[in-house]
Amino acid sequence: MDLPLADRAAAGRALAQMLSALELPNPVVLALPRGGVPVGAEIARALRAPFDLLLVRKVGAPRQPELAVAAVMEGVDPVVVVDEALCFQLDVPRSYIERQTRTELAEIERRRRAYLGQRPPVAVVGRSAIVVDDGIATGTTMRAAIRGLRRREPARVVVAIPVAPPDAVALLRGEADDVVCLAQPEAFGAIGLFYSDFHQLSDDEVVRAIQAAARMSS
């Protein structure tokens, strides 16, 4: 796959071609907002699959909010994944993780109301669940998503991502049943460097993409 990718929608269309070859039975597409939504919407459209969100938030390091030291997945009993090695390296106390986790859970609840309203989650029991984001740096957030999703008893979990470093992909292969990735550059910086258009998505853009995907799969 040539880099940079044009935009998230183009990445989704390319991923959809690879996923179609897997011939996954009874697929459902689950995107991590915000960035994963336009990627996942294109996949859902191509596969004619139901589309939903997995609401997960990373816990950024002190003074480095883009660097995930942990991540939390929504639920009655939220799943929290901590990068213990990174926390040790940066001397991040457990109290910080706990405090920030509460903050991120509040943001997850806000996003659920804003994006989905009262819409119930799509059932994934016994289905091929395709988990989508617009890229992965360390894999901590995706690991939380996978572990939370496993509680909902899908038959298979497939991670679909446009770009990620090889070590993160190897880590995710130990969590998911399969990982589909367009590009695994050895020299990895910010995810946005691998896109021509990587603008910050608004809540309105996310809602429009969700509504469009719902119309296409109904």
N, C-alpha and C. Protein backbone atom coordinates (compact mmCIF):
# COMPACT_ATOMS: atom_id res chain seq x y z
N MET A 1 0.85 -1.20 0.00
CA MET A 1 0.00 0.00 0.00
C MET A 1 0.88 1.25 0.00
N ASP A 2 0.65 2.12 -0.97
CA ASP A 2 1.42 3.35 -1.06
C ASP A 2 0.99 4.33 0.02
N LEU A 3 1.96 5.00 0.60
CA LEU A 3 1.71 6.04 1.59
C LEU A 3 2.17 7.38 1.02
N PRO A 4 1.51 8.48 1.41
CA PRO A 4 0.42 8.55 2.38
C PRO A 4 -0.92 8.10 1.80
N LEU A 5 -1.81 7.66 2.68
CA LEU A 5 -3.19 7.37 2.31
C LEU A 5 -3.91 8.69 2.03
N ALA A 6 -4.87 8.67 1.11
CA ALA A 6 -5.56 9.91 0.76
C ALA A 6 -6.32 10.47 1.96
N ASP A 7 -7.17 9.65 2.54
CA ASP A 7 -7.96 10.07 3.71
C ASP A 7 -8.53 8.81 4.37
N ARG A 8 -9.32 8.98 5.41
CA ARG A 8 -9.85 7.84 6.15
C ARG A 8 -10.81 7.00 5.29
N ALA A 9 -11.63 7.66 4.48
CA ALA A 9 -12.58 6.93 3.64
C ALA A 9 -11.84 6.04 2.64
N ALA A 10 -10.78 6.56 2.04
CA ALA A 10 -9.99 5.76 1.09
C ALA A 10 -9.36 4.57 1.80
N ALA A 11 -8.89 4.78 3.03
CA ALA A 11 -8.34 3.68 3.81
C ALA A 11 -9.39 2.61 4.07
N GLY A 12 -10.62 3.04 4.37
CA GLY A 12 -11.69 2.09 4.61
C GLY A 12 -12.01 1.26 3.38
N ARG A 13 -12.01 1.89 2.22
CA ARG A 13 -12.30 1.15 0.99
C ARG A 13 -11.22 0.12 0.70
N ALA A 14 -9.96 0.48 0.95
CA ALA A 14 -8.87 -0.47 0.73
C ALA A 14 -8.95 -1.64 1.72
N LEU A 15 -9.27 -1.33 2.97
CA LEU A 15 -9.43 -2.40 3.96
C LEU A 15 -10.59 -3.31 3.61
N ALA A 16 -11.67 -2.74 3.09
CA ALA A 16 -12.84 -3.54 2.73
C ALA A 16 -12.49 -4.59 1.68
N GLN A 17 -11.62 -4.24 0.74
CA GLN A 17 -11.21 -5.21 -0.27
C GLN A 17 -10.49 -6.39 0.37
N MET A 18 -9.60 -6.10 1.32
CA MET A 18 -8.87 -7.17 1.99
C MET A 18 -9.80 -8.02 2.85
N LEU A 19 -10.74 -7.37 3.52
CA LEU A 19 -11.66 -8.10 4.38
C LEU A 19 -12.62 -8.96 3.56
N SER A 20 -13.02 -8.48 2.40
CA SER A 20 -13.92 -9.26 1.54
C SER A 20 -13.29 -10.60 1.18
N ALA A 21 -11.97 -10.61 1.00
CA ALA A 21 -11.28 -11.84 0.64
C ALA A 21 -11.31 -12.87 1.77
N LEU A 22 -11.51 -12.42 3.00
CA LEU A 22 -11.57 -13.36 4.13
C LEU A 22 -12.90 -14.09 4.20
N GLU A 23 -13.92 -13.55 3.52
CA GLU A 23 -15.26 -14.16 3.50
C GLU A 23 -15.74 -14.47 4.93
N LEU A 24 -15.72 -13.45 5.77
CA LEU A 24 -16.12 -13.60 7.17
C LEU A 24 -17.62 -13.84 7.26
N PRO A 25 -18.05 -14.86 7.99
CA PRO A 25 -19.49 -15.10 8.12
C PRO A 25 -20.15 -14.12 9.08
N ASN A 26 -21.31 -13.61 8.69
CA ASN A 26 -22.15 -12.79 9.56
C ASN A 26 -21.36 -11.63 10.19
N PRO A 27 -20.75 -10.75 9.37
CA PRO A 27 -19.90 -9.70 9.93
C PRO A 27 -20.68 -8.54 10.54
N VAL A 28 -20.07 -7.90 11.51
CA VAL A 28 -20.54 -6.64 12.06
C VAL A 28 -19.31 -5.75 12.21
N VAL A 29 -19.44 -4.48 11.90
CA VAL A 29 -18.31 -3.55 11.92
C VAL A 29 -18.46 -2.63 13.12
N LEU A 30 -17.40 -2.53 13.92
CA LEU A 30 -17.40 -1.74 15.15
C LEU A 30 -16.22 -0.78 15.11
N ALA A 31 -16.52 0.52 15.08
CA ALA A 31 -15.48 1.53 14.93
C ALA A 31 -15.17 2.22 16.25
N LEU A 32 -13.92 2.62 16.41
CA LEU A 32 -13.50 3.43 17.55
C LEU A 32 -13.57 4.90 17.13
N PRO A 33 -14.43 5.68 17.80
CA PRO A 33 -14.53 7.10 17.43
C PRO A 33 -13.39 7.89 18.07
N ARG A 34 -13.07 9.04 17.45
CA ARG A 34 -13.76 9.53 16.28
C ARG A 34 -13.16 8.97 14.98
N GLY A 35 -11.84 8.87 14.95
CA GLY A 35 -11.15 8.61 13.69
C GLY A 35 -11.52 7.33 12.99
N GLY A 36 -11.91 6.30 13.75
CA GLY A 36 -12.25 5.03 13.12
C GLY A 36 -13.59 5.02 12.44
N VAL A 37 -14.43 6.02 12.70
CA VAL A 37 -15.80 6.00 12.18
C VAL A 37 -15.86 6.08 10.65
N PRO A 38 -15.20 7.06 10.00
CA PRO A 38 -15.28 7.07 8.53
C PRO A 38 -14.62 5.86 7.89
N VAL A 39 -13.60 5.32 8.54
CA VAL A 39 -12.96 4.09 8.03
C VAL A 39 -13.95 2.94 8.11
N GLY A 40 -14.55 2.77 9.30
CA GLY A 40 -15.48 1.68 9.49
C GLY A 40 -16.74 1.80 8.67
N ALA A 41 -17.21 3.03 8.46
CA ALA A 41 -18.42 3.23 7.67
C ALA A 41 -18.23 2.73 6.24
N GLU A 42 -17.05 2.95 5.67
CA GLU A 42 -16.79 2.46 4.31
C GLU A 42 -16.74 0.94 4.29
N ILE A 43 -16.17 0.33 5.33
CA ILE A 43 -16.11 -1.13 5.39
C ILE A 43 -17.52 -1.71 5.52
N ALA A 44 -18.32 -1.12 6.40
CA ALA A 44 -19.69 -1.60 6.59
C ALA A 44 -20.49 -1.49 5.29
N ARG A 45 -20.29 -0.39 4.57
CA ARG A 45 -21.00 -0.19 3.31
C ARG A 45 -20.61 -1.28 2.29
N ALA A 46 -19.31 -1.53 2.19
CA ALA A 46 -18.83 -2.52 1.21
C ALA A 46 -19.27 -3.93 1.56
N LEU A 47 -19.27 -4.27 2.85
CA LEU A 47 -19.63 -5.62 3.27
C LEU A 47 -21.13 -5.77 3.52
N ARG A 48 -21.87 -4.65 3.43
CA ARG A 48 -23.30 -4.63 3.75
C ARG A 48 -23.54 -5.22 5.14
N ALA A 49 -22.74 -4.73 6.08
CA ALA A 49 -22.76 -5.23 7.45
C ALA A 49 -23.32 -4.17 8.40
N PRO A 50 -23.93 -4.58 9.50
CA PRO A 50 -24.34 -3.61 10.53
C PRO A 50 -23.12 -2.85 11.05
N PHE A 51 -23.37 -1.62 11.50
CA PHE A 51 -22.29 -0.73 11.93
C PHE A 51 -22.61 -0.18 13.31
N ASP A 52 -21.62 -0.18 14.17
CA ASP A 52 -21.79 0.36 15.52
C ASP A 52 -20.45 0.88 16.01
N LEU A 53 -20.46 1.40 17.22
CA LEU A 53 -19.26 1.96 17.82
C LEU A 53 -18.79 1.10 19.00
N LEU A 54 -17.48 1.14 19.24
CA LEU A 54 -16.90 0.68 20.49
C LEU A 54 -16.32 1.92 21.16
N LEU A 55 -16.86 2.29 22.29
CA LEU A 55 -16.46 3.52 22.94
C LEU A 55 -15.32 3.24 23.92
N VAL A 56 -14.14 3.61 23.47
CA VAL A 56 -12.91 3.39 24.21
C VAL A 56 -12.15 4.71 24.25
N ARG A 57 -11.46 4.95 25.34
CA ARG A 57 -10.67 6.17 25.46
C ARG A 57 -9.29 5.84 26.02
N LYS A 58 -8.29 6.46 25.44
CA LYS A 58 -6.96 6.28 26.00
C LYS A 58 -6.77 7.22 27.17
N VAL A 59 -5.87 6.83 28.06
CA VAL A 59 -5.41 7.69 29.15
C VAL A 59 -4.01 8.15 28.77
N GLY A 60 -3.90 9.44 28.46
CA GLY A 60 -2.62 9.98 28.02
C GLY A 60 -1.66 10.19 29.18
N ALA A 61 -0.39 10.13 28.87
CA ALA A 61 0.64 10.35 29.88
C ALA A 61 0.62 11.80 30.37
N PRO A 62 1.04 12.04 31.60
CA PRO A 62 1.15 13.42 32.08
C PRO A 62 2.05 14.24 31.15
N ARG A 63 1.55 15.38 30.72
CA ARG A 63 2.27 16.30 29.84
C ARG A 63 2.51 15.74 28.44
N GLN A 64 2.02 14.52 28.16
CA GLN A 64 2.09 13.93 26.82
C GLN A 64 0.75 13.25 26.53
N PRO A 65 -0.30 14.04 26.34
CA PRO A 65 -1.65 13.46 26.25
C PRO A 65 -1.86 12.52 25.08
N GLU A 66 -1.02 12.60 24.03
CA GLU A 66 -1.18 11.70 22.89
C GLU A 66 -0.53 10.35 23.11
N LEU A 67 0.26 10.21 24.16
CA LEU A 67 0.95 8.96 24.45
C LEU A 67 0.12 8.16 25.45
N ALA A 68 -0.41 7.02 25.03
CA ALA A 68 -1.32 6.25 25.88
C ALA A 68 -0.55 5.42 26.90
N VAL A 69 -0.81 5.69 28.17
CA VAL A 69 -0.26 4.85 29.23
C VAL A 69 -1.30 3.84 29.70
N ALA A 70 -2.55 4.03 29.30
CA ALA A 70 -3.64 3.12 29.63
C ALA A 70 -4.80 3.43 28.70
N ALA A 71 -5.83 2.58 28.76
CA ALA A 71 -7.05 2.81 28.00
C ALA A 71 -8.20 2.15 28.73
N VAL A 72 -9.40 2.70 28.52
CA VAL A 72 -10.59 2.17 29.19
C VAL A 72 -11.70 1.96 28.17
N MET A 73 -12.37 0.82 28.28
CA MET A 73 -13.51 0.45 27.43
C MET A 73 -14.78 0.51 28.26
N GLU A 74 -15.81 1.12 27.71
CA GLU A 74 -17.07 1.28 28.43
C GLU A 74 -17.66 -0.07 28.84
N GLY A 75 -18.59 -0.03 29.79
CA GLY A 75 -19.31 -1.22 30.20
C GLY A 75 -19.74 -1.10 31.65
N VAL A 76 -20.61 -2.01 32.08
CA VAL A 76 -21.02 -2.03 33.48
C VAL A 76 -19.80 -2.20 34.38
N ASP A 77 -18.89 -3.06 33.94
CA ASP A 77 -17.60 -3.23 34.61
C ASP A 77 -16.53 -2.86 33.59
N PRO A 78 -16.14 -1.58 33.50
CA PRO A 78 -15.24 -1.13 32.43
C PRO A 78 -13.93 -1.91 32.40
N VAL A 79 -13.44 -2.15 31.20
CA VAL A 79 -12.15 -2.81 31.01
C VAL A 79 -11.07 -1.74 30.95
N VAL A 80 -10.05 -1.89 31.79
CA VAL A 80 -8.93 -0.96 31.80
C VAL A 80 -7.66 -1.74 31.47
N VAL A 81 -6.93 -1.29 30.47
CA VAL A 81 -5.64 -1.88 30.10
C VAL A 81 -4.56 -0.86 30.40
N VAL A 82 -3.56 -1.27 31.16
CA VAL A 82 -2.47 -0.37 31.55
C VAL A 82 -1.17 -0.85 30.91
N ASP A 83 -0.45 0.07 30.29
CA ASP A 83 0.89 -0.23 29.77
C ASP A 83 1.86 -0.11 30.93
N GLU A 84 2.07 -1.23 31.62
CA GLU A 84 2.86 -1.21 32.84
C GLU A 84 4.29 -0.77 32.59
N ALA A 85 4.87 -1.22 31.49
CA ALA A 85 6.26 -0.86 31.20
C ALA A 85 6.40 0.64 30.97
N LEU A 86 5.47 1.22 30.24
CA LEU A 86 5.53 2.66 29.97
C LEU A 86 5.26 3.46 31.25
N CYS A 87 4.33 2.99 32.06
CA CYS A 87 4.07 3.68 33.33
C CYS A 87 5.30 3.66 34.23
N PHE A 88 6.00 2.55 34.23
CA PHE A 88 7.24 2.46 35.02
C PHE A 88 8.30 3.40 34.46
N GLN A 89 8.43 3.40 33.14
CA GLN A 89 9.44 4.25 32.49
C GLN A 89 9.19 5.73 32.76
N LEU A 90 7.91 6.13 32.75
CA LEU A 90 7.56 7.54 32.91
C LEU A 90 7.21 7.89 34.36
N ASP A 91 7.28 6.89 35.25
CA ASP A 91 6.96 7.10 36.66
C ASP A 91 5.55 7.65 36.83
N VAL A 92 4.59 6.99 36.17
CA VAL A 92 3.19 7.39 36.26
C VAL A 92 2.54 6.64 37.43
N PRO A 93 2.04 7.34 38.43
CA PRO A 93 1.45 6.65 39.59
C PRO A 93 0.09 6.06 39.26
N ARG A 94 -0.28 5.01 40.00
CA ARG A 94 -1.58 4.37 39.81
C ARG A 94 -2.72 5.35 40.09
N SER A 95 -2.52 6.26 41.02
CA SER A 95 -3.56 7.22 41.34
C SER A 95 -3.89 8.10 40.13
N TYR A 96 -2.88 8.40 39.32
CA TYR A 96 -3.11 9.19 38.11
C TYR A 96 -3.97 8.39 37.13
N ILE A 97 -3.65 7.12 36.94
CA ILE A 97 -4.42 6.27 36.03
C ILE A 97 -5.88 6.21 36.48
N GLU A 98 -6.10 6.01 37.78
CA GLU A 98 -7.46 5.90 38.30
C GLU A 98 -8.24 7.20 38.12
N ARG A 99 -7.58 8.31 38.39
CA ARG A 99 -8.24 9.61 38.25
C ARG A 99 -8.60 9.90 36.79
N GLN A 100 -7.66 9.67 35.90
CA GLN A 100 -7.90 9.94 34.49
C GLN A 100 -8.90 8.96 33.88
N THR A 101 -8.92 7.75 34.40
CA THR A 101 -9.91 6.78 33.91
C THR A 101 -11.32 7.27 34.19
N ARG A 102 -11.55 7.82 35.35
CA ARG A 102 -12.88 8.38 35.66
C ARG A 102 -13.23 9.51 34.71
N THR A 103 -12.25 10.35 34.40
CA THR A 103 -12.48 11.44 33.46
C THR A 103 -12.85 10.92 32.07
N GLU A 104 -12.14 9.89 31.62
CA GLU A 104 -12.39 9.35 30.28
C GLU A 104 -13.72 8.61 30.23
N LEU A 105 -14.13 7.97 31.31
CA LEU A 105 -15.43 7.32 31.34
C LEU A 105 -16.56 8.34 31.21
N ALA A 106 -16.38 9.52 31.80
CA ALA A 106 -17.37 10.58 31.66
C ALA A 106 -17.44 11.05 30.20
N GLU A 107 -16.29 11.13 29.52
CA GLU A 107 -16.28 11.52 28.11
C GLU A 107 -16.91 10.43 27.24
N ILE A 108 -16.69 9.16 27.60
CA ILE A 108 -17.34 8.07 26.87
C ILE A 108 -18.86 8.19 26.96
N GLU A 109 -19.37 8.49 28.14
CA GLU A 109 -20.81 8.63 28.31
C GLU A 109 -21.34 9.80 27.48
N ARG A 110 -20.58 10.92 27.45
CA ARG A 110 -21.00 12.07 26.63
C ARG A 110 -21.06 11.67 25.16
N ARG A 111 -20.06 10.95 24.70
CA ARG A 111 -20.02 10.56 23.30
C ARG A 111 -21.15 9.59 22.96
N ARG A 112 -21.46 8.66 23.86
CA ARG A 112 -22.56 7.74 23.58
C ARG A 112 -23.86 8.51 23.37
N ARG A 113 -24.12 9.47 24.24
CA ARG A 113 -25.35 10.27 24.09
C ARG A 113 -25.32 11.07 22.79
N ALA A 114 -24.16 11.68 22.49
CA ALA A 114 -24.06 12.55 21.31
C ALA A 114 -24.14 11.75 20.02
N TYR A 115 -23.51 10.58 19.97
CA TYR A 115 -23.41 9.84 18.73
C TYR A 115 -24.57 8.87 18.50
N LEU A 116 -25.04 8.26 19.57
CA LEU A 116 -26.00 7.17 19.43
C LEU A 116 -27.34 7.41 20.10
N GLY A 117 -27.42 8.41 20.97
CA GLY A 117 -28.67 8.68 21.67
C GLY A 117 -29.12 7.47 22.46
N GLN A 118 -30.35 7.03 22.23
CA GLN A 118 -30.90 5.86 22.92
C GLN A 118 -30.78 4.57 22.10
N ARG A 119 -30.08 4.63 21.00
CA ARG A 119 -29.94 3.45 20.15
C ARG A 119 -29.23 2.32 20.89
N PRO A 120 -29.81 1.12 20.94
CA PRO A 120 -29.15 0.01 21.64
C PRO A 120 -27.95 -0.50 20.84
N PRO A 121 -26.99 -1.11 21.51
CA PRO A 121 -25.84 -1.68 20.80
C PRO A 121 -26.26 -2.78 19.84
N VAL A 122 -25.54 -2.90 18.73
CA VAL A 122 -25.77 -4.00 17.79
C VAL A 122 -25.30 -5.30 18.44
N ALA A 123 -26.09 -6.35 18.33
CA ALA A 123 -25.71 -7.65 18.90
C ALA A 123 -24.51 -8.22 18.16
N VAL A 124 -23.56 -8.76 18.89
CA VAL A 124 -22.37 -9.35 18.27
C VAL A 124 -22.21 -10.82 18.63
N VAL A 125 -23.08 -11.37 19.44
CA VAL A 125 -22.95 -12.77 19.84
C VAL A 125 -22.93 -13.68 18.62
N GLY A 126 -21.87 -14.49 18.51
CA GLY A 126 -21.76 -15.44 17.43
C GLY A 126 -21.41 -14.85 16.08
N ARG A 127 -21.10 -13.55 16.02
CA ARG A 127 -20.81 -12.90 14.74
C ARG A 127 -19.31 -12.68 14.57
N SER A 128 -18.91 -12.36 13.34
CA SER A 128 -17.54 -11.94 13.04
C SER A 128 -17.45 -10.45 13.30
N ALA A 129 -16.81 -10.06 14.38
CA ALA A 129 -16.74 -8.65 14.77
C ALA A 129 -15.46 -8.04 14.21
N ILE A 130 -15.62 -7.02 13.36
CA ILE A 130 -14.48 -6.31 12.75
C ILE A 130 -14.30 -5.00 13.49
N VAL A 131 -13.18 -4.85 14.17
CA VAL A 131 -12.90 -3.67 14.99
C VAL A 131 -11.98 -2.74 14.21
N VAL A 132 -12.39 -1.48 14.08
CA VAL A 132 -11.73 -0.57 13.15
C VAL A 132 -11.28 0.71 13.84
N ASP A 133 -10.07 1.15 13.51
CA ASP A 133 -9.61 2.49 13.88
C ASP A 133 -8.86 3.06 12.70
N ASP A 134 -8.47 4.34 12.78
CA ASP A 134 -7.77 4.96 11.64
C ASP A 134 -6.26 4.77 11.70
N GLY A 135 -5.78 4.10 12.72
CA GLY A 135 -4.36 3.82 12.87
C GLY A 135 -4.06 3.47 14.31
N ILE A 136 -2.91 2.84 14.51
CA ILE A 136 -2.51 2.42 15.85
C ILE A 136 -1.05 2.81 16.06
N ALA A 137 -0.77 3.34 17.23
CA ALA A 137 0.62 3.65 17.59
C ALA A 137 1.18 2.58 18.52
N THR A 138 0.60 2.45 19.71
CA THR A 138 1.09 1.45 20.67
C THR A 138 0.18 0.23 20.77
N GLY A 139 -1.09 0.38 20.46
CA GLY A 139 -2.04 -0.72 20.54
C GLY A 139 -2.78 -0.82 21.86
N THR A 140 -2.49 0.06 22.82
CA THR A 140 -3.12 -0.02 24.13
C THR A 140 -4.63 0.17 24.04
N THR A 141 -5.08 1.18 23.29
CA THR A 141 -6.51 1.43 23.17
C THR A 141 -7.22 0.28 22.47
N MET A 142 -6.64 -0.26 21.42
CA MET A 142 -7.25 -1.38 20.71
C MET A 142 -7.30 -2.62 21.59
N ARG A 143 -6.31 -2.84 22.40
CA ARG A 143 -6.34 -4.00 23.31
C ARG A 143 -7.51 -3.90 24.29
N ALA A 144 -7.76 -2.71 24.80
CA ALA A 144 -8.91 -2.53 25.69
C ALA A 144 -10.21 -2.80 24.94
N ALA A 145 -10.28 -2.34 23.69
CA ALA A 145 -11.48 -2.57 22.88
C ALA A 145 -11.72 -4.06 22.66
N ILE A 146 -10.67 -4.79 22.34
CA ILE A 146 -10.80 -6.22 22.07
C ILE A 146 -11.25 -6.96 23.33
N ARG A 147 -10.64 -6.63 24.46
CA ARG A 147 -10.97 -7.34 25.69
C ARG A 147 -12.40 -7.05 26.14
N GLY A 148 -12.83 -5.80 25.97
CA GLY A 148 -14.21 -5.48 26.29
C GLY A 148 -15.18 -6.17 25.34
N LEU A 149 -14.82 -6.22 24.07
CA LEU A 149 -15.67 -6.86 23.07
C LEU A 149 -15.81 -8.35 23.32
N ARG A 150 -14.75 -9.01 23.76
CA ARG A 150 -14.80 -10.46 24.02
C ARG A 150 -15.91 -10.80 25.01
N ARG A 151 -16.21 -9.90 25.93
CA ARG A 151 -17.27 -10.15 26.90
C ARG A 151 -18.64 -10.27 26.25
N ARG A 152 -18.77 -9.73 25.04
CA ARG A 152 -20.05 -9.78 24.31
C ARG A 152 -20.15 -11.03 23.43
N GLU A 153 -19.16 -11.90 23.48
CA GLU A 153 -19.18 -13.23 22.89
C GLU A 153 -19.31 -13.27 21.37
N PRO A 154 -18.49 -12.51 20.65
CA PRO A 154 -18.45 -12.69 19.20
C PRO A 154 -17.79 -14.03 18.88
N ALA A 155 -18.09 -14.57 17.71
CA ALA A 155 -17.44 -15.81 17.28
C ALA A 155 -15.98 -15.56 16.91
N ARG A 156 -15.71 -14.36 16.41
CA ARG A 156 -14.37 -14.04 15.90
C ARG A 156 -14.16 -12.54 16.01
N VAL A 157 -12.95 -12.14 16.36
CA VAL A 157 -12.58 -10.72 16.42
C VAL A 157 -11.47 -10.46 15.41
N VAL A 158 -11.76 -9.57 14.48
CA VAL A 158 -10.79 -9.19 13.45
C VAL A 158 -10.51 -7.71 13.58
N VAL A 159 -9.26 -7.34 13.75
CA VAL A 159 -8.86 -5.94 13.80
C VAL A 159 -8.51 -5.48 12.40
N ALA A 160 -9.07 -4.34 11.99
CA ALA A 160 -8.80 -3.77 10.67
C ALA A 160 -8.29 -2.35 10.84
N ILE A 161 -7.05 -2.12 10.43
CA ILE A 161 -6.42 -0.82 10.63
C ILE A 161 -5.62 -0.43 9.38
N PRO A 162 -5.63 0.85 9.04
CA PRO A 162 -4.88 1.28 7.86
C PRO A 162 -3.36 1.24 8.07
N VAL A 163 -2.90 1.67 9.24
CA VAL A 163 -1.45 1.79 9.44
C VAL A 163 -1.10 1.56 10.89
N ALA A 164 0.02 0.87 11.12
CA ALA A 164 0.49 0.58 12.48
C ALA A 164 1.93 0.10 12.40
N PRO A 165 2.71 0.30 13.45
CA PRO A 165 4.07 -0.23 13.46
C PRO A 165 4.05 -1.75 13.61
N PRO A 166 5.05 -2.45 13.09
CA PRO A 166 5.05 -3.91 13.14
C PRO A 166 4.93 -4.49 14.54
N ASP A 167 5.57 -3.85 15.54
CA ASP A 167 5.51 -4.41 16.89
C ASP A 167 4.10 -4.32 17.47
N ALA A 168 3.35 -3.26 17.14
CA ALA A 168 1.97 -3.14 17.61
C ALA A 168 1.08 -4.19 16.94
N VAL A 169 1.30 -4.43 15.66
CA VAL A 169 0.53 -5.46 14.95
C VAL A 169 0.80 -6.83 15.57
N ALA A 170 2.07 -7.11 15.87
CA ALA A 170 2.41 -8.40 16.49
C ALA A 170 1.73 -8.54 17.85
N LEU A 171 1.67 -7.45 18.61
CA LEU A 171 1.00 -7.47 19.91
C LEU A 171 -0.48 -7.77 19.76
N LEU A 172 -1.12 -7.15 18.78
CA LEU A 172 -2.55 -7.33 18.58
C LEU A 172 -2.89 -8.72 18.06
N ARG A 173 -1.96 -9.36 17.36
CA ARG A 173 -2.21 -10.72 16.89
C ARG A 173 -2.36 -11.68 18.07
N GLY A 174 -1.81 -11.32 19.21
CA GLY A 174 -1.98 -12.13 20.40
C GLY A 174 -3.32 -11.90 21.09
N GLU A 175 -4.06 -10.86 20.67
CA GLU A 175 -5.35 -10.52 21.29
C GLU A 175 -6.52 -10.85 20.37
N ALA A 176 -6.36 -10.61 19.08
CA ALA A 176 -7.44 -10.80 18.11
C ALA A 176 -7.26 -12.12 17.39
N ASP A 177 -8.31 -12.55 16.68
CA ASP A 177 -8.21 -13.76 15.87
C ASP A 177 -7.50 -13.49 14.56
N ASP A 178 -7.55 -12.25 14.10
CA ASP A 178 -6.85 -11.87 12.87
C ASP A 178 -6.64 -10.37 12.88
N VAL A 179 -5.62 -9.92 12.20
CA VAL A 179 -5.33 -8.49 12.06
C VAL A 179 -5.10 -8.20 10.59
N VAL A 180 -5.86 -7.25 10.06
CA VAL A 180 -5.69 -6.80 8.67
C VAL A 180 -5.16 -5.37 8.73
N CYS A 181 -4.00 -5.15 8.12
CA CYS A 181 -3.35 -3.83 8.18
C CYS A 181 -2.80 -3.50 6.81
N LEU A 182 -3.10 -2.30 6.32
CA LEU A 182 -2.66 -1.90 4.99
C LEU A 182 -1.16 -1.66 4.92
N ALA A 183 -0.58 -1.05 5.95
CA ALA A 183 0.83 -0.67 5.92
C ALA A 183 1.42 -0.76 7.31
N GLN A 184 2.65 -1.28 7.39
CA GLN A 184 3.36 -1.40 8.66
C GLN A 184 4.75 -0.78 8.53
N PRO A 185 4.83 0.54 8.48
CA PRO A 185 6.14 1.19 8.33
C PRO A 185 7.03 0.99 9.55
N GLU A 186 8.28 0.70 9.31
CA GLU A 186 9.23 0.51 10.41
C GLU A 186 9.47 1.83 11.15
N ALA A 187 9.66 2.90 10.39
CA ALA A 187 9.84 4.22 11.00
C ALA A 187 8.46 4.82 11.23
N PHE A 188 8.03 4.85 12.49
CA PHE A 188 6.66 5.23 12.78
C PHE A 188 6.64 6.47 13.66
N GLY A 189 5.91 7.48 13.19
CA GLY A 189 5.71 8.69 13.98
C GLY A 189 4.24 8.85 14.29
N ALA A 190 3.74 10.06 14.21
CA ALA A 190 2.31 10.30 14.42
C ALA A 190 1.51 9.68 13.29
N ILE A 191 0.34 9.14 13.61
CA ILE A 191 -0.51 8.49 12.61
C ILE A 191 -0.84 9.44 11.47
N GLY A 192 -1.09 10.70 11.79
CA GLY A 192 -1.47 11.68 10.77
C GLY A 192 -0.43 11.86 9.68
N LEU A 193 0.82 11.50 9.94
CA LEU A 193 1.87 11.64 8.93
C LEU A 193 1.65 10.70 7.75
N PHE A 194 0.83 9.68 7.93
CA PHE A 194 0.61 8.69 6.88
C PHE A 194 -0.66 8.94 6.09
N TYR A 195 -1.25 10.12 6.27
CA TYR A 195 -2.45 10.53 5.54
C TYR A 195 -2.22 11.89 4.89
N SER A 196 -2.77 12.07 3.70
CA SER A 196 -2.78 13.40 3.10
C SER A 196 -3.80 14.29 3.79
N ASP A 197 -4.97 13.71 4.12
CA ASP A 197 -6.02 14.43 4.84
C ASP A 197 -6.29 13.68 6.14
N PHE A 198 -5.90 14.27 7.26
CA PHE A 198 -6.13 13.66 8.57
C PHE A 198 -6.69 14.73 9.50
N HIS A 199 -7.72 15.42 9.02
CA HIS A 199 -8.27 16.51 9.81
C HIS A 199 -8.98 15.98 11.05
N GLN A 200 -9.06 16.82 12.07
CA GLN A 200 -9.76 16.47 13.30
C GLN A 200 -11.25 16.40 13.02
N LEU A 201 -11.84 15.24 13.28
CA LEU A 201 -13.27 15.06 13.01
C LEU A 201 -14.11 15.73 14.09
N SER A 202 -15.20 16.33 13.68
CA SER A 202 -16.14 16.91 14.63
C SER A 202 -17.18 15.86 15.03
N ASP A 203 -17.90 16.14 16.10
CA ASP A 203 -18.99 15.26 16.50
C ASP A 203 -20.04 15.16 15.39
N ASP A 204 -20.33 16.27 14.71
CA ASP A 204 -21.32 16.26 13.64
C ASP A 204 -20.90 15.33 12.50
N GLU A 205 -19.62 15.33 12.14
CA GLU A 205 -19.15 14.45 11.08
C GLU A 205 -19.31 12.99 11.48
N VAL A 206 -19.04 12.70 12.75
CA VAL A 206 -19.18 11.33 13.24
C VAL A 206 -20.64 10.89 13.15
N VAL A 207 -21.55 11.73 13.61
CA VAL A 207 -22.98 11.39 13.58
C VAL A 207 -23.46 11.17 12.15
N ARG A 208 -23.03 12.03 11.23
CA ARG A 208 -23.45 11.86 9.82
C ARG A 208 -22.94 10.55 9.25
N ALA A 209 -21.71 10.17 9.57
CA ALA A 209 -21.16 8.91 9.08
C ALA A 209 -21.91 7.72 9.65
N ILE A 210 -22.27 7.79 10.92
CA ILE A 210 -23.03 6.70 11.56
C ILE A 210 -24.39 6.56 10.90
N GLN A 211 -25.06 7.68 10.67
CA GLN A 211 -26.39 7.65 10.06
C GLN A 211 -26.33 7.13 8.63
N ALA A 212 -25.30 7.53 7.88
CA ALA A 212 -25.17 7.06 6.51
C ALA A 212 -24.91 5.56 6.47
N ALA A 213 -24.06 5.06 7.37
CA ALA A 213 -23.77 3.63 7.42
C ALA A 213 -25.02 2.85 7.80
N ALA A 214 -25.81 3.38 8.71
CA ALA A 214 -27.03 2.70 9.13
C ALA A 214 -28.02 2.58 7.96
N ARG A 215 -28.11 3.63 7.15
CA ARG A 215 -29.02 3.58 6.00
C ARG A 215 -28.57 2.55 4.97
N MET A 216 -27.25 2.46 4.76
CA MET A 216 -26.73 1.54 3.77
C MET A 216 -26.88 0.08 4.17
N SER A 217 -26.82 -0.19 5.48
CA SER A 217 -26.87 -1.59 5.94
C SER A 217 -28.28 -2.05 6.25
N SER A 218 -29.26 -1.11 6.22
CA SER A 218 -30.64 -1.49 6.57
C SER A 218 -31.39 -2.05 5.35
